Structure formats: C-alpha cells, structure tokens
Amino acid sequence: MTLVEMRENWSSAIDALKSHKMRSSLTMLGIVIGVTSVIAVAAIIEGLNKTVQNRVQLIGSRTFFITRVPFGINVLRLPQKIRIRKYIQATDSQYLQTSCPLIEFATVFGNRPSFTDGFKAGEANDIRFENENVQRVIVRGVEPDFDRAMPLFSVAQGRFISRFDLEHSPYVVVLGSAIAESLFSHTDPIGKSVRLNGKMYQVIGIFEKDPGLFGRPGVDQFACIPFTTFRKEYPEVRELIIAFAVPDNVRLDRAVDEVTEAMRRRRGVTRSDNDFEINSPDFLAKLWDDLTSALFILTVLISSVGLVVGGIGVMNIMLISVTERTKEIGVRKALGARRSDIKVQFLMEAVMLTLIGGVIGIALGATLAALVRHFVPSVPATLSVFWIALGVAMSVVAGVFFGYYPAKRAASLDPIVCLRYE
C-alpha cells in the first residue's frame, strides 16, 4: 500500500465516523471505559509501588530484622511451633556484634504497646505537657545505633539517644513530629519535661516529620527512650527485635548465613528448623507487590470485559456499515479496487474507532489519577509512558481483532451483486 492510498483510507475512515457521530460515540464507550479503568488503576498502583520502595530505602536497604514471630502473621492465632519459641534476649545483639565480623552492627529495640502477655486493653501510652495531652503513642526503647539501622528515624531537632543515655538510664525521650506539635504548639520542645505514662522525661530531640504509610503509624507517633530505661519501666515487654546492618562491601547472603548460624548456636538449635525469623529489608515491598499484582490482574480482567463489549460493538457497527455501503463497495471494485484495498479501508475504520476511544480513555485515566493524587496525597498516582503506550496498543489490537471479520466480509463481496444492491 502506497502512502497516498494510506492517506485516502484514513481520510475515508474519518469521514465515515463523522457521518455517524452519535453511533460512533456510543460504540467507543466500551473501549473508553476499559482503557480508563486500566490506566487509572495502573497509575495508582505504580505511584504506590514507588512510595513503598522509597519507604524501604528509608527503613534501611541493608538492614535485617531478627524476630521471634514472622512479620505479617496474626499474633492472636500463632501456630504451636511458633508460640513455644524462646523470646529474643537483649544480650543477643551484643553476642552478634562480637561473633559476626561480616555485619556492621547489631542493635536491639522493643515496643510498647507490643504483642506481649503484659500489655492489656486500656493501657495505651499517654504523654502530657501542661494542659496538653496525646494518647496512643508508641513507646520504643532503643540503643544509639537504632537510627543507623533505620534512617527513617532521623532527628530534625536536638539529638538522638546516646551511649551515655544507655549506660546511665536517664529519663530522656525523642518525640515524633506530630506529638511535639500537639504538645508544644507555641514553644521550643527541646529541654522541656513531659509526663510519659506518669513518669517525667526530658525532651532531647524531635524526629523528622513522617505521617506513616497507608494509614499505618509513622515516626510521628513514636516516642523513643533509652533501651535500658525502657527495660526498667516496662519489664513485661518480652517481644524484642534485633536489627543488624550489612556493610556495602559484604554479600547479603553471606552475612545472613553467618548471623543465622550464630543465632542457632546462641539459642541451642541443632537439627531442627530455626526458632527465629530473619526478615529481609524488602519484605514490605515483596508483600506489597503480591497484593498489587493480584489487584492489577483483577482490574485487567474486569476491564477486559469492557474492552470485549466495546469490541463487539465495533464489530456490530462495522457489519452494519458494510451493509449500508454495499453499493459503494461495488463501485470501488468496478473502478479497480482490489480485495486488499477494501479490507484495509474497513479495517482502518475499525482501528480509528477504537484508537479514538483509547485516546479518550487514556486522557480520562490520567485525569482520574491526577484527581486522586491531588485529593489523596498519600496515594501518589503516577502515569508512565509505558501505560500510555499500552493503552494505545490495547486500542489498536481491539480494532484489528474485532474489525477483521467485517473488513474480510466487505472485501469478499461480489461487485456485480453489490451494484444491484438496493
């Protein structure tokens, strides 16, 4: 097909669509709905994936966590083999530090509230300053290396827990940004004394603002105190976590193997499976990928229904168009048009119909993504070139697939019969 013939076919396709505007618009509707839903959901998921990946980097891309209970498991329904495991000990981090040369450091921390036997309903943490009060904060006992293990907990004002604090167990605290804003709206918090669960603590630092991810508590809700003070005040908290970091010049698998062997020796594990968990830094990203992959597949399946319905509509309209233009087909063939010319003409009309629907769907999907990003900042929907290209490809494929039969039927018509058609 020459360039001139292609232009003529495109022009003919556009004229055919213009001559039946309402019919063409209604036919495009299924394509528009299908492409819009795919583009909008893809943009939202891609934006959320980037957010989760950034979050993983802030947690510490080479930081691993040792726990008694696997992350993400329902602690109210623990299997017996997990429930009987020994608790992580505070001294385990010191043991790893001295016995594992491949790791950079190891540090232990604990939380209250936490999934422990000693925490009861109604004992939510409470922090006060003068007439201001903040409830349901998360108290975390930490060591000086904790902020190195989790860069997310970076101090914006003041300082973090020091080695001196750990050795002398003073009552000092580093507060999340939201807690500080609630308690000290018109004054500098550093050096002030707050009452945390009935005990006086001096504020020595304020964390960088971090509201959390998908409604989960962020750094803003944390109050960090020295681990030794934490153990003295909350001896009922038995569920501890050890974080260890691997230097850049050490392979992650080698360091993890070394720590695993050290923990097995420490806990007296011989032939059985590990009675502890080592959680990789990307566990959150992997969990999220699994969730979003299932969600996206479901969305594609649902959107495919719209595309199929739209495609069937395109096929139906093209068959009607072939019937209405039977005499025109006969005239074109009488003037020398080949079967391939007729086929390409009607195929281009079908592709033009679905392509316009796809472009409208992409525009609507991008608009929905922008609205979500504007009104729900925690869902940073991002539309990439890949999904735009995929939307165009879906439209073209739908046009070719559903337009092929009508085009083939038009091309196979007998010119004599066509000229006699009324």
Protein backbone atom coordinates (compact mmCIF):
# COMPACT_ATOMS: atom_id res chain seq x y z
CA MET A 1 0.00 0.00 0.00
CA THR A 2 1.40 3.36 -1.01
CA LEU A 3 1.45 6.43 1.22
CA VAL A 4 -1.21 8.09 -0.93
CA GLU A 5 -3.52 5.08 -0.59
CA MET A 6 -3.00 5.03 3.16
CA ARG A 7 -3.93 8.70 3.43
CA GLU A 8 -7.04 8.10 1.36
CA ASN A 9 -8.06 5.20 3.62
CA TRP A 10 -7.52 7.27 6.78
CA SER A 11 -9.49 10.14 5.28
CA SER A 12 -12.30 7.77 4.31
CA ALA A 13 -12.33 6.28 7.82
CA ILE A 14 -12.58 9.71 9.44
CA ASP A 15 -15.40 10.76 7.07
CA ALA A 16 -17.30 7.56 7.86
CA LEU A 17 -17.04 8.21 11.59
CA LYS A 18 -18.10 11.85 11.19
CA SER A 19 -21.16 10.88 9.21
CA HIS A 20 -22.47 8.84 12.16
CA LYS A 21 -21.22 10.78 15.18
CA MET A 22 -23.73 9.52 17.73
CA ARG A 23 -23.36 5.90 16.65
CA SER A 24 -19.58 6.14 16.70
CA SER A 25 -19.58 7.77 20.16
CA LEU A 26 -21.76 5.07 21.67
CA THR A 27 -19.61 2.38 20.05
CA MET A 28 -16.46 3.88 21.60
CA LEU A 29 -17.96 3.88 25.08
CA GLY A 30 -16.93 0.32 25.97
CA ILE A 31 -13.38 0.95 24.76
CA VAL A 32 -13.24 4.20 26.74
CA ILE A 33 -14.41 2.55 29.97
CA GLY A 34 -12.00 -0.38 29.62
CA VAL A 35 -8.94 1.73 28.86
CA THR A 36 -9.83 4.34 31.50
CA SER A 37 -10.04 1.76 34.28
CA VAL A 38 -6.76 0.08 33.29
CA ILE A 39 -4.87 3.39 33.03
CA ALA A 40 -6.27 4.81 36.28
CA VAL A 41 -5.60 1.69 38.35
CA ALA A 42 -2.15 1.22 36.80
CA ALA A 43 -1.24 4.83 37.62
CA ILE A 44 -2.39 4.46 41.23
CA ILE A 45 -0.57 1.15 41.72
CA GLU A 46 2.64 2.44 40.13
CA GLY A 47 2.61 5.51 42.36
CA LEU A 48 2.03 3.37 45.45
CA ASN A 49 4.82 0.99 44.41
CA LYS A 50 7.27 3.89 44.21
CA THR A 51 6.14 5.08 47.62
CA VAL A 52 6.69 1.63 49.13
CA GLN A 53 10.11 1.32 47.50
CA ASN A 54 11.12 4.72 48.87
CA ARG A 55 9.87 3.62 52.26
CA VAL A 56 12.04 0.51 52.12
CA GLN A 57 15.07 2.66 51.36
CA LEU A 58 14.28 4.84 54.39
CA ILE A 59 13.92 1.78 56.61
CA GLY A 60 17.40 0.71 55.55
CA SER A 61 18.06 -1.23 52.38
CA ARG A 62 20.80 -3.37 54.01
CA THR A 63 19.17 -3.73 57.42
CA PHE A 64 17.70 -7.06 58.54
CA PHE A 65 15.42 -7.77 61.49
CA ILE A 66 15.51 -10.80 63.79
CA THR A 67 12.19 -11.62 65.43
CA ARG A 68 10.59 -14.50 67.25
CA VAL A 69 7.36 -14.20 65.27
CA PRO A 70 7.25 -13.77 61.45
CA PHE A 71 6.23 -10.33 60.20
CA GLY A 72 2.68 -10.13 58.93
CA ILE A 73 1.35 -13.14 60.88
CA ASN A 74 -1.77 -12.91 63.04
CA VAL A 75 -0.31 -12.98 66.55
CA LEU A 76 -3.68 -13.98 68.02
CA ARG A 77 -3.55 -17.25 66.08
CA LEU A 78 0.07 -18.30 66.33
CA PRO A 79 0.83 -21.92 65.44
CA GLN A 80 2.02 -24.01 68.37
CA LYS A 81 5.54 -24.38 66.96
CA ILE A 82 5.91 -20.57 66.91
CA ARG A 83 4.18 -19.95 70.23
CA ILE A 84 6.68 -22.16 72.10
CA ARG A 85 9.72 -20.36 70.70
CA LYS A 86 12.08 -18.69 73.14
CA TYR A 87 11.97 -14.90 73.26
CA ILE A 88 14.74 -12.82 71.74
CA GLN A 89 17.10 -11.66 74.50
CA ALA A 90 18.55 -8.17 74.89
CA THR A 91 22.07 -9.61 75.08
CA ASP A 92 21.68 -11.41 71.74
CA SER A 93 22.59 -8.23 69.86
CA GLN A 94 25.87 -7.93 71.80
CA TYR A 95 26.63 -11.57 71.02
CA LEU A 96 26.06 -10.99 67.29
CA GLN A 97 28.21 -7.88 67.39
CA THR A 98 31.20 -9.82 68.72
CA SER A 99 30.70 -13.15 66.92
CA CYS A 100 29.72 -11.97 63.41
CA PRO A 101 32.54 -10.00 61.74
CA LEU A 102 30.57 -9.66 58.48
CA ILE A 103 27.94 -7.35 59.98
CA GLU A 104 28.43 -3.66 60.64
CA PHE A 105 26.47 -3.51 63.89
CA ALA A 106 23.54 -5.10 65.74
CA THR A 107 21.07 -3.28 67.95
CA VAL A 108 18.04 -4.37 69.96
CA PHE A 109 14.77 -2.49 70.49
CA GLY A 110 11.33 -3.08 71.96
CA ASN A 111 7.88 -1.54 71.66
CA ARG A 112 5.02 -0.70 73.99
CA PRO A 113 2.28 -1.30 73.02
CA SER A 114 3.54 -4.57 71.66
CA PHE A 115 2.20 -8.07 71.17
CA THR A 116 3.16 -9.24 74.63
CA ASP A 117 1.50 -11.00 77.52
CA GLY A 118 1.97 -7.96 79.73
CA PHE A 119 0.02 -5.49 77.61
CA LYS A 120 -3.65 -5.21 78.47
CA ALA A 121 -6.52 -3.31 76.91
CA GLY A 122 -6.90 0.20 78.30
CA GLU A 123 -3.17 0.65 78.99
CA ALA A 124 -2.50 2.82 75.94
CA ASN A 125 0.51 5.10 76.31
CA ASP A 126 -0.17 8.66 77.39
CA ILE A 127 2.10 11.70 77.18
CA ARG A 128 1.37 15.11 78.70
CA PHE A 129 2.79 18.62 78.83
CA GLU A 130 1.00 21.19 80.98
CA ASN A 131 -2.62 21.14 79.74
CA GLU A 132 -1.88 19.26 76.51
CA ASN A 133 -2.26 15.51 76.21
CA VAL A 134 -1.52 12.96 73.45
CA GLN A 135 -2.72 9.38 73.76
CA ARG A 136 -1.94 6.13 71.95
CA VAL A 137 1.67 6.99 71.20
CA ILE A 138 4.10 4.14 70.60
CA VAL A 139 6.90 3.96 73.14
CA ARG A 140 10.04 2.37 71.76
CA GLY A 141 13.16 1.54 73.73
CA VAL A 142 16.24 1.94 71.54
CA GLU A 143 20.02 1.90 71.54
CA PRO A 144 22.28 4.56 69.96
CA ASP A 145 22.69 2.57 66.71
CA PHE A 146 18.94 2.37 66.09
CA ASP A 147 18.85 5.49 63.89
CA ARG A 148 21.65 3.99 61.79
CA ALA A 149 19.64 0.80 61.35
CA MET A 150 16.50 2.74 60.39
CA PRO A 151 17.36 6.10 58.75
CA LEU A 152 13.62 6.79 58.74
CA PHE A 153 14.08 7.80 62.39
CA SER A 154 16.28 10.80 61.67
CA VAL A 155 16.39 13.67 64.15
CA ALA A 156 15.35 17.08 62.86
CA GLN A 157 15.92 18.98 66.09
CA GLY A 158 18.06 18.21 69.11
CA ARG A 159 19.82 14.82 69.31
CA PHE A 160 19.21 11.07 69.42
CA ILE A 161 19.78 8.61 72.27
CA SER A 162 23.49 8.47 73.12
CA ARG A 163 25.78 5.85 74.63
CA PHE A 164 25.80 7.86 77.86
CA ASP A 165 21.98 7.66 77.97
CA LEU A 166 22.14 3.90 77.51
CA GLU A 167 24.70 3.41 80.29
CA HIS A 168 23.08 5.72 82.87
CA SER A 169 19.40 5.12 82.03
CA PRO A 170 18.23 8.73 82.36
CA TYR A 171 14.61 9.64 81.67
CA VAL A 172 15.03 11.29 78.28
CA VAL A 173 12.86 10.99 75.19
CA VAL A 174 12.91 11.76 71.46
CA LEU A 175 9.45 12.61 70.16
CA GLY A 176 7.72 12.24 66.82
CA SER A 177 6.90 15.44 64.98
CA ALA A 178 3.12 15.15 65.40
CA ILE A 179 3.44 14.55 69.15
CA ALA A 180 5.71 17.59 69.52
CA GLU A 181 3.35 19.79 67.50
CA SER A 182 0.41 18.75 69.68
CA LEU A 183 2.23 19.31 72.97
CA PHE A 184 4.39 22.32 72.10
CA SER A 185 2.46 24.37 69.57
CA HIS A 186 3.98 27.70 70.69
CA THR A 187 7.26 26.81 72.38
CA ASP A 188 10.59 25.09 71.72
CA PRO A 189 10.24 21.46 72.95
CA ILE A 190 13.96 20.80 73.49
CA GLY A 191 14.76 20.70 77.19
CA LYS A 192 11.14 20.66 78.30
CA SER A 193 9.86 17.95 80.63
CA VAL A 194 6.88 15.79 79.67
CA ARG A 195 5.00 13.16 81.64
CA LEU A 196 5.08 9.82 79.80
CA ASN A 197 2.86 7.19 81.40
CA GLY A 198 3.15 9.05 84.70
CA LYS A 199 6.96 9.49 84.67
CA MET A 200 8.81 12.72 83.92
CA TYR A 201 11.08 12.68 80.84
CA GLN A 202 13.23 15.42 79.36
CA VAL A 203 12.76 16.02 75.64
CA ILE A 204 16.17 15.83 73.92
CA GLY A 205 15.12 15.56 70.26
CA ILE A 206 12.36 15.72 67.65
CA PHE A 207 12.19 13.35 64.66
CA GLU A 208 11.75 14.38 61.05
CA LYS A 209 8.11 14.53 60.03
CA ASP A 210 6.77 11.15 58.87
CA PRO A 211 2.99 10.54 58.98
CA GLY A 212 3.26 6.86 58.05
CA LEU A 213 2.21 4.73 55.11
CA PHE A 214 -1.39 3.83 54.12
CA GLY A 215 -2.81 4.81 57.48
CA ARG A 216 -0.24 2.83 59.49
CA PRO A 217 1.64 4.60 62.34
CA GLY A 218 4.67 6.53 61.19
CA VAL A 219 7.57 8.08 63.06
CA ASP A 220 5.24 10.93 64.04
CA GLN A 221 3.55 8.60 66.55
CA PHE A 222 6.74 7.35 68.23
CA ALA A 223 8.39 8.34 71.49
CA CYS A 224 11.86 6.76 71.77
CA ILE A 225 13.61 6.33 75.12
CA PRO A 226 16.90 4.62 76.09
CA PHE A 227 16.58 0.84 75.94
CA THR A 228 17.85 0.43 79.49
CA THR A 229 15.20 2.85 80.77
CA PHE A 230 12.62 1.02 78.71
CA ARG A 231 13.55 -2.33 80.28
CA LYS A 232 13.37 -0.83 83.75
CA GLU A 233 9.95 0.75 83.23
CA TYR A 234 8.35 -1.98 81.14
CA PRO A 235 9.81 -5.34 82.19
CA GLU A 236 6.61 -7.05 80.99
CA VAL A 237 7.56 -6.36 77.36
CA ARG A 238 9.25 -9.58 76.27
CA GLU A 239 8.91 -9.36 72.49
CA LEU A 240 12.17 -7.76 71.34
CA ILE A 241 13.57 -7.20 67.87
CA ILE A 242 17.21 -7.14 66.77
CA ALA A 243 18.26 -5.09 63.76
CA PHE A 244 21.62 -5.70 62.11
CA ALA A 245 23.19 -3.95 59.15
CA VAL A 246 25.44 -5.38 56.45
CA PRO A 247 28.27 -3.22 55.02
CA ASP A 248 28.20 -2.38 51.31
CA ASN A 249 31.29 -4.48 50.58
CA VAL A 250 29.78 -7.69 52.04
CA ARG A 251 27.38 -10.00 50.24
CA LEU A 252 24.00 -10.05 51.94
CA ASP A 253 23.58 -13.83 51.77
CA ARG A 254 26.95 -14.46 53.43
CA ALA A 255 26.19 -12.06 56.27
CA VAL A 256 22.72 -13.55 56.78
CA ASP A 257 24.15 -17.08 56.85
CA GLU A 258 26.72 -16.02 59.44
CA VAL A 259 24.05 -14.41 61.65
CA THR A 260 21.77 -17.44 61.26
CA GLU A 261 24.49 -19.82 62.44
CA ALA A 262 25.35 -17.53 65.35
CA MET A 263 21.71 -17.31 66.46
CA ARG A 264 21.30 -21.10 66.21
CA ARG A 265 24.33 -21.58 68.45
CA ARG A 266 23.12 -18.91 70.82
CA ARG A 267 19.65 -20.44 71.13
CA GLY A 268 20.81 -24.05 71.21
CA VAL A 269 19.19 -25.05 67.90
CA THR A 270 20.81 -28.17 66.45
CA ARG A 271 18.96 -30.20 63.84
CA SER A 272 15.52 -28.59 63.82
CA ASP A 273 14.42 -25.55 61.84
CA ASN A 274 15.27 -22.06 63.04
CA ASP A 275 13.23 -20.94 66.03
CA PHE A 276 13.53 -17.30 64.94
CA GLU A 277 12.92 -15.23 61.82
CA ILE A 278 15.35 -13.12 59.81
CA ASN A 279 13.32 -10.60 57.82
CA SER A 280 14.92 -9.00 54.78
CA PRO A 281 14.66 -5.22 54.31
CA ASP A 282 12.43 -5.62 51.25
CA PHE A 283 9.77 -7.76 52.96
CA LEU A 284 7.35 -4.82 52.80
CA ALA A 285 7.95 -4.30 49.08
CA LYS A 286 7.52 -8.02 48.34
CA LEU A 287 4.30 -8.18 50.35
CA TRP A 288 3.00 -5.09 48.59
CA ASP A 289 3.97 -6.43 45.16
CA ASP A 290 2.00 -9.59 45.84
CA LEU A 291 -1.06 -7.58 46.86
CA THR A 292 -0.91 -5.12 43.96
CA SER A 293 -0.20 -7.84 41.39
CA ALA A 294 -3.40 -9.63 42.37
CA LEU A 295 -5.29 -6.34 42.38
CA PHE A 296 -3.98 -5.37 38.95
CA ILE A 297 -4.78 -8.76 37.43
CA LEU A 298 -8.33 -8.49 38.80
CA THR A 299 -8.64 -4.98 37.37
CA VAL A 300 -7.37 -6.07 33.97
CA LEU A 301 -9.87 -8.93 33.90
CA ILE A 302 -12.74 -6.62 34.78
CA SER A 303 -11.54 -4.01 32.28
CA SER A 304 -11.24 -6.67 29.62
CA VAL A 305 -14.98 -7.18 29.86
CA GLY A 306 -15.44 -3.54 28.89
CA LEU A 307 -12.97 -3.90 26.03
CA VAL A 308 -14.68 -7.05 24.77
CA VAL A 309 -18.10 -5.41 24.97
CA GLY A 310 -16.73 -2.37 23.18
CA GLY A 311 -15.04 -4.60 20.61
CA ILE A 312 -18.26 -6.49 19.93
CA GLY A 313 -19.96 -3.13 19.48
CA VAL A 314 -17.28 -2.14 16.97
CA MET A 315 -17.76 -5.40 15.07
CA ASN A 316 -21.51 -4.91 15.03
CA ILE A 317 -21.29 -1.34 13.79
CA MET A 318 -18.75 -2.28 11.12
CA LEU A 319 -21.02 -5.08 9.86
CA ILE A 320 -23.87 -2.55 9.65
CA SER A 321 -21.54 -0.16 7.87
CA VAL A 322 -20.61 -2.87 5.33
CA THR A 323 -24.31 -3.49 4.64
CA GLU A 324 -25.07 0.24 4.29
CA ARG A 325 -22.15 0.80 1.93
CA THR A 326 -22.60 -2.28 -0.25
CA LYS A 327 -23.15 -0.22 -3.41
CA GLU A 328 -20.09 1.91 -2.60
CA ILE A 329 -18.00 -1.27 -2.32
CA GLY A 330 -19.33 -2.40 -5.72
CA VAL A 331 -18.43 0.93 -7.31
CA ARG A 332 -14.91 0.84 -5.87
CA LYS A 333 -14.35 -2.68 -7.12
CA ALA A 334 -15.73 -1.78 -10.56
CA LEU A 335 -13.21 1.07 -10.71
CA GLY A 336 -10.34 -1.32 -9.98
CA ALA A 337 -10.11 -1.54 -6.19
CA ARG A 338 -8.58 -4.82 -5.04
CA ARG A 339 -9.89 -7.04 -2.26
CA SER A 340 -6.96 -5.94 -0.12
CA ASP A 341 -7.85 -2.27 -0.65
CA ILE A 342 -11.42 -2.83 0.56
CA LYS A 343 -10.20 -4.87 3.52
CA VAL A 344 -7.68 -2.21 4.57
CA GLN A 345 -10.28 0.54 4.24
CA PHE A 346 -12.75 -1.05 6.66
CA LEU A 347 -10.01 -2.30 8.95
CA MET A 348 -8.69 1.24 9.29
CA GLU A 349 -12.17 2.47 10.15
CA ALA A 350 -12.40 -0.06 12.97
CA VAL A 351 -8.91 0.83 14.22
CA MET A 352 -9.71 4.53 14.03
CA LEU A 353 -12.85 3.93 16.09
CA THR A 354 -11.06 2.02 18.86
CA LEU A 355 -7.98 4.28 18.75
CA ILE A 356 -10.04 7.41 19.38
CA GLY A 357 -11.80 5.57 22.21
CA GLY A 358 -8.43 4.52 23.62
CA VAL A 359 -7.04 8.08 23.50
CA ILE A 360 -10.13 9.37 25.31
CA GLY A 361 -9.75 6.53 27.85
CA ILE A 362 -6.08 7.43 28.44
CA ALA A 363 -7.00 11.09 28.95
CA LEU A 364 -9.76 10.19 31.40
CA GLY A 365 -7.49 7.73 33.22
CA ALA A 366 -4.78 10.36 33.55
CA THR A 367 -7.35 12.86 34.83
CA LEU A 368 -8.60 10.40 37.45
CA ALA A 369 -5.01 9.71 38.52
CA ALA A 370 -4.34 13.44 38.86
CA LEU A 371 -7.52 13.93 40.93
CA VAL A 372 -6.56 11.05 43.23
CA ARG A 373 -3.07 12.49 43.64
CA HIS A 374 -4.50 15.95 44.43
CA PHE A 375 -7.23 14.96 46.89
CA VAL A 376 -5.45 11.96 48.45
CA PRO A 377 -1.74 12.91 48.69
CA SER A 378 -0.93 9.60 50.38
CA VAL A 379 -1.83 7.86 47.09
CA PRO A 380 0.68 9.41 44.62
CA ALA A 381 -0.80 8.12 41.35
CA THR A 382 1.83 8.30 38.60
CA LEU A 383 1.15 7.71 34.89
CA SER A 384 4.16 6.40 32.99
CA VAL A 385 4.88 6.32 29.25
CA PHE A 386 4.65 2.52 29.37
CA TRP A 387 0.99 2.54 30.40
CA ILE A 388 0.15 5.22 27.82
CA ALA A 389 1.76 3.07 25.13
CA LEU A 390 -0.06 0.01 26.47
CA GLY A 391 -3.39 1.85 26.31
CA VAL A 392 -2.77 2.78 22.66
CA ALA A 393 -1.69 -0.79 21.88
CA MET A 394 -4.80 -2.24 23.52
CA SER A 395 -6.99 0.05 21.42
CA VAL A 396 -5.26 -0.81 18.15
CA VAL A 397 -5.32 -4.56 18.88
CA ALA A 398 -9.03 -4.38 19.72
CA GLY A 399 -9.69 -2.55 16.44
CA VAL A 400 -7.74 -5.07 14.36
CA PHE A 401 -9.22 -8.10 16.14
CA PHE A 402 -12.86 -7.04 16.06
CA GLY A 403 -12.65 -5.23 12.74
CA TYR A 404 -11.03 -8.04 10.78
CA TYR A 405 -14.18 -10.09 10.14
CA PRO A 406 -16.29 -7.14 8.87
CA ALA A 407 -13.37 -5.99 6.70
CA LYS A 408 -12.91 -9.50 5.30
CA ARG A 409 -16.63 -9.75 4.61
CA ALA A 410 -16.61 -6.43 2.77
CA ALA A 411 -13.62 -7.47 0.69
CA SER A 412 -15.25 -10.78 -0.33
CA LEU A 413 -18.47 -9.20 -1.71
CA ASP A 414 -19.17 -9.76 -5.40
CA PRO A 415 -19.03 -6.41 -7.26
CA ILE A 416 -22.00 -7.35 -9.55
CA VAL A 417 -24.19 -8.19 -6.55
CA CYS A 418 -23.06 -5.00 -4.83
CA LEU A 419 -24.03 -2.81 -7.82
CA ARG A 420 -27.52 -4.40 -7.88
CA TYR A 421 -27.96 -3.94 -4.11
CA GLU A 422 -30.71 -1.51 -3.11
